[in-house]
C-alpha atoms as a PDB file:
ATOM      1  CA  UNK A   1     195.608 175.588 -66.720  1.00  0.00           C
ATOM      2  CA  UNK A   2     192.997 178.128 -67.674  1.00  0.00           C
ATOM      3  CA  UNK A   3     193.220 177.292 -71.377  1.00  0.00           C
ATOM      4  CA  UNK A   4     189.722 176.648 -72.767  1.00  0.00           C
ATOM      5  CA  UNK A   5     188.870 173.079 -73.608  1.00  0.00           C
ATOM      6  CA  UNK A   6     188.550 172.475 -77.346  1.00  0.00           C
ATOM      7  CA  UNK A   7     185.475 170.949 -78.948  1.00  0.00           C
ATOM      8  CA  UNK A   8     187.207 167.648 -79.694  1.00  0.00           C
ATOM      9  CA  UNK A   9     188.585 167.351 -76.151  1.00  0.00           C
ATOM     10  CA  UNK A  10     185.153 168.164 -74.733  1.00  0.00           C
ATOM     11  CA  UNK A  11     183.579 165.424 -76.821  1.00  0.00           C
ATOM     12  CA  UNK A  12     186.172 162.904 -75.601  1.00  0.00           C
ATOM     13  CA  UNK A  13     185.657 164.003 -72.009  1.00  0.00           C
ATOM     14  CA  UNK A  14     181.892 163.583 -72.246  1.00  0.00           C
ATOM     15  CA  UNK A  15     182.332 160.094 -73.677  1.00  0.00           C
ATOM     16  CA  UNK A  16     184.739 159.173 -70.884  1.00  0.00           C
ATOM     17  CA  UNK A  17     182.276 160.417 -68.260  1.00  0.00           C
ATOM     18  CA  UNK A  18     179.597 157.865 -69.103  1.00  0.00           C
ATOM     19  CA  UNK A  19     179.068 155.822 -65.963  1.00  0.00           C
ATOM     20  CA  UNK A  20     177.367 152.617 -64.903  1.00  0.00           C
ATOM     21  CA  UNK A  21     175.390 154.155 -62.038  1.00  0.00           C
ATOM     22  CA  UNK A  22     172.461 156.411 -62.870  1.00  0.00           C
ATOM     23  CA  UNK A  23     173.143 158.495 -59.759  1.00  0.00           C
ATOM     24  CA  UNK A  24     176.633 159.375 -61.009  1.00  0.00           C
ATOM     25  CA  UNK A  25     175.297 160.144 -64.468  1.00  0.00           C
ATOM     26  CA  UNK A  26     172.817 162.622 -62.994  1.00  0.00           C
ATOM     27  CA  UNK A  27     175.568 164.539 -61.194  1.00  0.00           C
ATOM     28  CA  UNK A  28     177.757 164.541 -64.309  1.00  0.00           C
ATOM     29  CA  UNK A  29     174.948 165.559 -66.656  1.00  0.00           C
ATOM     30  CA  UNK A  30     174.073 168.511 -64.426  1.00  0.00           C
ATOM     31  CA  UNK A  31     177.778 169.480 -64.281  1.00  0.00           C
ATOM     32  CA  UNK A  32     178.005 169.630 -68.072  1.00  0.00           C
ATOM     33  CA  UNK A  33     174.739 171.561 -68.349  1.00  0.00           C
ATOM     34  CA  UNK A  34     176.087 174.226 -65.997  1.00  0.00           C
ATOM     35  CA  UNK A  35     179.776 174.401 -66.901  1.00  0.00           C
ATOM     36  CA  UNK A  36     180.312 172.992 -70.404  1.00  0.00           C
ATOM     37  CA  UNK A  37     180.742 176.349 -72.132  1.00  0.00           C
ATOM     38  CA  UNK A  38     183.505 177.482 -69.762  1.00  0.00           C
ATOM     39  CA  UNK A  39     185.461 174.262 -69.139  1.00  0.00           C
ATOM     40  CA  UNK A  40     189.226 174.551 -69.132  1.00  0.00           C
ATOM     41  CA  UNK A  41     192.039 172.054 -69.510  1.00  0.00           C
ATOM     42  CA  UNK A  42     192.422 172.119 -65.699  1.00  0.00           C
ATOM     43  CA  UNK A  43     188.732 171.338 -65.219  1.00  0.00           C
ATOM     44  CA  UNK A  44     189.072 168.418 -67.615  1.00  0.00           C
ATOM     45  CA  UNK A  45     192.086 167.111 -65.672  1.00  0.00           C
ATOM     46  CA  UNK A  46     190.098 167.202 -62.432  1.00  0.00           C
ATOM     47  CA  UNK A  47     187.117 165.462 -63.979  1.00  0.00           C
ATOM     48  CA  UNK A  48     189.319 162.853 -65.664  1.00  0.00           C
ATOM     49  CA  UNK A  49     190.946 162.008 -62.335  1.00  0.00           C
ATOM     50  CA  UNK A  50     187.510 161.453 -60.806  1.00  0.00           C
ATOM     51  CA  UNK A  51     186.490 159.261 -63.737  1.00  0.00           C
ATOM     52  CA  UNK A  52     189.366 156.904 -62.928  1.00  0.00           C
ATOM     53  CA  UNK A  53     187.461 155.877 -59.794  1.00  0.00           C
ATOM     54  CA  UNK A  54     185.085 152.956 -59.512  1.00  0.00           C
ATOM     55  CA  UNK A  55     181.427 154.008 -59.649  1.00  0.00           C
ATOM     56  CA  UNK A  56     180.775 153.413 -55.946  1.00  0.00           C
ATOM     57  CA  UNK A  57     183.899 155.339 -54.906  1.00  0.00           C
ATOM     58  CA  UNK A  58     182.855 158.254 -57.105  1.00  0.00           C
ATOM     59  CA  UNK A  59     179.348 158.222 -55.634  1.00  0.00           C
ATOM     60  CA  UNK A  60     180.790 158.285 -52.110  1.00  0.00           C
ATOM     61  CA  UNK A  61     182.699 161.458 -53.021  1.00  0.00           C
ATOM     62  CA  UNK A  62     179.691 163.057 -54.696  1.00  0.00           C
ATOM     63  CA  UNK A  63     177.494 162.362 -51.656  1.00  0.00           C
ATOM     64  CA  UNK A  64     180.187 163.655 -49.256  1.00  0.00           C
ATOM     65  CA  UNK A  65     180.595 160.276 -47.595  1.00  0.00           C
ATOM     66  CA  UNK A  66     184.337 160.621 -48.238  1.00  0.00           C
ATOM     67  CA  UNK A  67     186.758 163.323 -49.341  1.00  0.00           C
ATOM     68  CA  UNK A  68     189.626 163.112 -51.860  1.00  0.00           C
ATOM     69  CA  UNK A  69     192.770 161.505 -50.463  1.00  0.00           C
ATOM     70  CA  UNK A  70     196.242 160.779 -51.759  1.00  0.00           C
ATOM     71  CA  UNK A  71     196.680 161.482 -55.458  1.00  0.00           C
ATOM     72  CA  UNK A  72     193.120 162.779 -55.723  1.00  0.00           C
ATOM     73  CA  UNK A  73     193.709 165.497 -53.145  1.00  0.00           C
ATOM     74  CA  UNK A  74     194.621 168.154 -55.713  1.00  0.00           C
ATOM     75  CA  UNK A  75     193.120 171.619 -56.312  1.00  0.00           C
ATOM     76  CA  UNK A  76     191.662 170.808 -59.744  1.00  0.00           C
ATOM     77  CA  UNK A  77     189.981 167.654 -58.401  1.00  0.00           C
ATOM     78  CA  UNK A  78     188.561 169.457 -55.364  1.00  0.00           C
ATOM     79  CA  UNK A  79     187.234 172.308 -57.523  1.00  0.00           C
ATOM     80  CA  UNK A  80     185.590 169.910 -59.953  1.00  0.00           C
ATOM     81  CA  UNK A  81     184.133 167.884 -57.101  1.00  0.00           C
ATOM     82  CA  UNK A  82     182.622 170.992 -55.502  1.00  0.00           C
ATOM     83  CA  UNK A  83     181.005 171.921 -58.816  1.00  0.00           C
ATOM     84  CA  UNK A  84     179.663 168.392 -59.219  1.00  0.00           C
ATOM     85  CA  UNK A  85     178.187 168.554 -55.711  1.00  0.00           C
ATOM     86  CA  UNK A  86     176.243 171.787 -56.307  1.00  0.00           C
ATOM     87  CA  UNK A  87     172.558 171.151 -55.639  1.00  0.00           C
ATOM     88  CA  UNK A  88     170.036 171.234 -58.420  1.00  0.00           C
ATOM     89  CA  UNK A  89     168.601 174.693 -58.988  1.00  0.00           C
END
């Protein structure tokens, strides 16, 4: 799923990624700053799957307290999660 993400889909994805915890928002904001121009449909699928989580569950993944399990244990989710976890430059 290497098809580039369209402008409209990117806008929807950004809206969907708004979170209730500031900590999550900081990770997500940095992700978009670094990767927005090159996001693909597969990247969006991985990020969307992570956005289905409760805020605290997402934060646990971002802070490496847990790893993806079950339905979340998919390549596109793991790739997106690794990009989200990249330290600030």
